[in-house]
Amino acid sequence: MGLRLPCEWEQLDSNLKALAMHAKEVDALGPPPDSAAQIHKLRLQLRAQDKKQEARIADIKHIVKDVLKEQIAEHMRPQIQEQIRLELTRQIREAVQEQITEHLPVSLQDQAEESKRQLIEVRNSLLNSEARRSNATLRSTNLDDPLAPVVKANGEESALAPQTLRQLFSYDSAQARALVRDYALREHDVRERNLNRFMAHIGVQFNLIPIPVMVDGVVDENGAPIGVTLI
């Protein structure tokens, strides 16, 4: 839209000049016979002229306002378009991520970690199965034979695990409780029950019970003789 300000102002200036000339002509003629009527008529004409000028000024203001709006809009259009583009990009990214999450709830990284964890569990399970199978062959006459290590849930061997049954039977009550606790087994107040629980966990097929007979010099923490028997 073109700006018509110069034409409007020229018209306004012409009208004002014509009005001034008209006023001079009136003054030069002097008061007419019916001066009161003429003055009243002139006032009406002036008021009408004022209204026309006010209307024209209002039109000019509207034109200026529209032009300024267009200029501001034209100036801001690139910024507005860039903001719209960024917002659309963000919304599209969120929508795509939501769809991916809905159809693939577990990310590839999470899947890889889960697969790795499962493989470790399977490996530990196989190792423990072999260890238990080996320990199941031990009898009360094999107190000095090495125990096959059974790993904990995290895949590590316990630093408290005994190397032989003889070493296990030498554990006092506190050591026995610490041992089953390290393997996340249920503790008991009785030492022999904790030892039996550990032996069952590693695959040994007999229990330890107190008997009044010395077996290879193995005694409990109170010096009482203990023995082993098959069940």
Protein backbone atom coordinates (compact mmCIF):
# COMPACT_ATOMS: atom_id res chain seq x y z
CA MET A 1 0.00 0.00 0.00
CA GLY A 2 1.46 3.37 -0.96
CA LEU A 3 1.64 6.23 1.52
CA ARG A 4 -0.64 9.20 0.48
CA LEU A 5 0.61 11.62 3.10
CA PRO A 6 1.97 14.25 0.67
CA CYS A 7 -1.32 14.53 -1.29
CA GLU A 8 -3.38 14.78 1.90
CA TRP A 9 -1.20 17.45 3.37
CA GLU A 10 -1.28 19.45 0.08
CA GLN A 11 -5.07 19.32 0.05
CA LEU A 12 -5.16 20.39 3.69
CA ASP A 13 -2.81 23.29 2.96
CA SER A 14 -4.92 24.39 -0.03
CA ASN A 15 -8.05 24.37 2.07
CA LEU A 16 -6.43 26.43 4.77
CA LYS A 17 -5.17 28.97 2.24
CA ALA A 18 -8.61 29.21 0.62
CA LEU A 19 -10.13 29.76 4.03
CA ALA A 20 -7.65 32.54 4.77
CA MET A 21 -8.35 34.26 1.44
CA HIS A 22 -12.07 33.96 2.05
CA ALA A 23 -11.63 35.60 5.44
CA LYS A 24 -9.69 38.48 3.87
CA GLU A 25 -12.38 38.97 1.23
CA VAL A 26 -15.00 39.10 3.92
CA ASP A 27 -13.03 41.69 5.86
CA ALA A 28 -12.54 43.80 2.69
CA LEU A 29 -16.24 43.86 1.86
CA GLY A 30 -17.15 45.16 5.26
CA PRO A 31 -20.23 44.18 7.17
CA PRO A 32 -23.16 43.39 4.88
CA PRO A 33 -26.63 44.64 5.59
CA ASP A 34 -27.50 41.36 7.26
CA SER A 35 -24.18 40.92 9.03
CA ALA A 36 -25.55 38.70 11.81
CA ALA A 37 -26.95 36.20 9.32
CA GLN A 38 -23.76 36.27 7.30
CA ILE A 39 -21.65 35.71 10.39
CA HIS A 40 -23.83 32.78 11.45
CA LYS A 41 -23.60 31.29 7.98
CA LEU A 42 -19.85 31.73 8.02
CA ARG A 43 -19.60 30.00 11.37
CA LEU A 44 -21.58 27.06 10.02
CA GLN A 45 -19.28 26.89 7.04
CA LEU A 46 -16.24 27.00 9.31
CA ARG A 47 -17.63 24.22 11.47
CA ALA A 48 -18.36 22.11 8.42
CA GLN A 49 -14.88 22.81 7.15
CA ASP A 50 -13.42 21.85 10.54
CA LYS A 51 -15.32 18.56 10.48
CA LYS A 52 -14.02 17.82 7.00
CA GLN A 53 -10.49 18.58 8.14
CA GLU A 54 -10.91 16.39 11.22
CA ALA A 55 -12.21 13.58 9.04
CA ARG A 56 -9.25 13.96 6.69
CA ILE A 57 -6.81 14.03 9.61
CA ALA A 58 -8.44 10.87 10.98
CA ASP A 59 -8.05 9.23 7.56
CA ILE A 60 -4.40 10.24 7.51
CA LYS A 61 -3.88 8.76 10.97
CA HIS A 62 -5.46 5.48 9.85
CA ILE A 63 -3.26 5.45 6.77
CA VAL A 64 -0.15 6.09 8.86
CA LYS A 65 -1.18 3.41 11.33
CA ASP A 66 -1.76 0.84 8.57
CA VAL A 67 1.54 1.73 6.91
CA LEU A 68 3.39 1.38 10.21
CA LYS A 69 1.72 -1.96 10.84
CA GLU A 70 2.82 -3.21 7.45
CA GLN A 71 6.35 -1.91 7.94
CA ILE A 72 6.62 -3.49 11.38
CA ALA A 73 5.14 -6.74 10.11
CA GLU A 74 7.55 -6.74 7.18
CA HIS A 75 10.46 -6.09 9.51
CA MET A 76 9.39 -8.76 12.00
CA ARG A 77 8.31 -11.35 9.41
CA PRO A 78 11.73 -13.12 9.19
CA GLN A 79 11.99 -13.34 12.97
CA ILE A 80 8.43 -14.59 13.28
CA GLN A 81 8.99 -17.18 10.55
CA GLU A 82 12.20 -18.36 12.25
CA GLN A 83 10.40 -18.65 15.58
CA ILE A 84 7.62 -20.64 13.93
CA ARG A 85 10.19 -22.91 12.28
CA LEU A 86 11.97 -23.56 15.57
CA GLU A 87 8.71 -24.29 17.36
CA LEU A 88 7.58 -26.68 14.62
CA THR A 89 10.96 -28.42 14.72
CA ARG A 90 10.69 -28.85 18.48
CA GLN A 91 7.16 -30.22 18.29
CA ILE A 92 8.09 -32.62 15.48
CA ARG A 93 11.12 -33.85 17.42
CA GLU A 94 9.03 -34.45 20.52
CA ALA A 95 6.35 -36.24 18.50
CA VAL A 96 8.93 -38.49 16.83
CA GLN A 97 10.58 -39.26 20.17
CA GLU A 98 7.20 -40.09 21.65
CA GLN A 99 6.45 -42.46 18.79
CA ILE A 100 9.85 -44.10 19.13
CA THR A 101 9.37 -44.48 22.87
CA GLU A 102 5.91 -45.95 22.33
CA HIS A 103 7.02 -48.51 19.75
CA LEU A 104 10.53 -49.06 21.13
CA PRO A 105 10.16 -48.59 24.90
CA VAL A 106 13.70 -49.84 25.53
CA SER A 107 16.55 -48.01 23.83
CA LEU A 108 19.32 -49.88 22.04
CA GLN A 109 21.70 -48.96 24.84
CA ASP A 110 19.31 -50.34 27.44
CA GLN A 111 18.82 -53.48 25.37
CA ALA A 112 22.57 -53.96 25.14
CA GLU A 113 22.97 -53.51 28.90
CA GLU A 114 20.14 -55.93 29.59
CA SER A 115 21.59 -58.51 27.19
CA LYS A 116 24.99 -58.15 28.83
CA ARG A 117 23.47 -58.61 32.28
CA GLN A 118 21.58 -61.70 31.16
CA LEU A 119 24.73 -63.19 29.63
CA ILE A 120 26.60 -62.63 32.89
CA GLU A 121 23.79 -64.28 34.83
CA VAL A 122 23.82 -67.28 32.50
CA ARG A 123 27.61 -67.57 32.74
CA ASN A 124 27.50 -67.35 36.53
CA SER A 125 24.72 -69.90 36.65
CA LEU A 126 26.74 -72.33 34.53
CA LEU A 127 29.86 -71.81 36.64
CA ASN A 128 27.91 -72.36 39.85
CA SER A 129 26.22 -75.46 38.44
CA GLU A 130 29.61 -76.98 37.63
CA ALA A 131 30.94 -76.01 41.06
CA ARG A 132 27.96 -77.54 42.86
CA ARG A 133 28.27 -80.73 40.81
CA SER A 134 31.90 -81.00 41.88
CA ASN A 135 31.16 -80.22 45.54
CA ALA A 136 28.38 -82.81 45.58
CA THR A 137 30.99 -85.57 45.28
CA LEU A 138 32.62 -84.60 48.58
CA ARG A 139 32.08 -86.76 51.64
CA SER A 140 33.05 -86.54 55.27
CA THR A 141 36.33 -88.19 54.35
CA ASN A 142 37.21 -85.34 51.95
CA LEU A 143 37.64 -82.53 54.47
CA ASP A 144 40.89 -81.36 52.90
CA ASP A 145 39.79 -81.56 49.27
CA PRO A 146 39.42 -78.12 47.64
CA LEU A 147 35.93 -76.71 47.37
CA ALA A 148 34.85 -75.53 43.93
CA PRO A 149 34.09 -71.80 44.29
CA VAL A 150 30.48 -70.67 43.90
CA VAL A 151 30.27 -67.02 42.87
CA LYS A 152 27.89 -64.50 44.37
CA ALA A 153 25.03 -62.79 42.51
CA ASN A 154 27.43 -60.10 41.25
CA GLY A 155 29.69 -62.74 39.71
CA GLU A 156 32.47 -62.30 42.27
CA GLU A 157 33.93 -64.90 44.60
CA SER A 158 33.49 -64.21 48.28
CA ALA A 159 36.61 -63.32 50.21
CA LEU A 160 35.07 -65.18 53.16
CA ALA A 161 34.56 -68.46 51.28
CA PRO A 162 36.59 -71.37 52.70
CA GLN A 163 39.02 -73.37 50.59
CA THR A 164 38.14 -76.70 52.19
CA LEU A 165 35.49 -78.21 54.41
CA ARG A 166 37.99 -78.41 57.26
CA GLN A 167 38.50 -74.65 57.04
CA LEU A 168 34.72 -74.16 56.92
CA PHE A 169 34.19 -76.28 60.04
CA SER A 170 36.72 -74.12 61.89
CA TYR A 171 34.57 -71.00 61.45
CA ASP A 172 33.14 -69.62 64.66
CA SER A 173 29.58 -68.31 64.95
CA ALA A 174 30.44 -64.76 63.83
CA GLN A 175 32.39 -65.99 60.80
CA ALA A 176 29.58 -68.35 59.83
CA ARG A 177 27.02 -65.56 59.98
CA ALA A 178 29.26 -63.22 57.97
CA LEU A 179 29.70 -65.94 55.34
CA VAL A 180 25.99 -66.54 54.74
CA ARG A 181 25.37 -62.79 54.83
CA ASP A 182 27.98 -62.25 52.11
CA TYR A 183 26.13 -64.73 49.90
CA ALA A 184 22.79 -63.05 50.69
CA LEU A 185 21.56 -66.20 52.44
CA ARG A 186 19.19 -66.17 55.41
CA GLU A 187 21.09 -65.98 58.70
CA HIS A 188 20.45 -68.10 61.76
CA ASP A 189 21.49 -67.73 65.37
CA VAL A 190 22.87 -71.27 65.48
CA ARG A 191 26.35 -71.67 63.99
CA GLU A 192 25.79 -75.17 62.59
CA ARG A 193 22.67 -74.09 60.75
CA ASN A 194 24.55 -71.26 59.05
CA LEU A 195 27.32 -73.66 58.02
CA ASN A 196 24.78 -76.20 56.74
CA ARG A 197 22.97 -73.48 54.81
CA PHE A 198 26.23 -72.48 53.12
CA MET A 199 27.14 -76.10 52.34
CA ALA A 200 23.73 -76.66 50.76
CA HIS A 201 24.22 -73.50 48.72
CA ILE A 202 27.55 -74.71 47.29
CA GLY A 203 26.25 -78.24 46.64
CA VAL A 204 27.68 -80.25 49.55
CA GLN A 205 25.33 -83.18 50.18
CA PHE A 206 25.66 -83.65 53.94
CA ASN A 207 25.03 -81.64 57.08
CA LEU A 208 27.14 -80.74 60.06
CA ILE A 209 25.76 -81.75 63.46
CA PRO A 210 27.34 -81.60 66.94
CA ILE A 211 28.27 -85.07 68.23
CA PRO A 212 30.34 -86.07 71.23
CA VAL A 213 33.04 -87.61 69.04
CA MET A 214 36.23 -86.01 67.78
CA VAL A 215 36.60 -86.06 63.99
CA ASP A 216 40.11 -85.15 62.85
CA GLY A 217 40.42 -82.73 65.74
CA VAL A 218 37.66 -80.41 64.55
CA VAL A 219 36.02 -78.51 67.42
CA ASP A 220 33.58 -75.64 67.63
CA GLU A 221 34.37 -72.14 68.98
CA ASN A 222 33.64 -73.34 72.51
CA GLY A 223 36.07 -76.24 72.18
CA ALA A 224 33.26 -78.80 71.92
CA PRO A 225 33.93 -81.67 69.48
CA ILE A 226 31.83 -81.75 66.35
CA GLY A 227 31.44 -84.26 63.58
CA VAL A 228 29.86 -84.72 60.18
CA THR A 229 27.39 -87.25 59.00
CA LEU A 230 25.57 -88.03 55.77
CA ILE A 231 21.83 -87.49 55.56
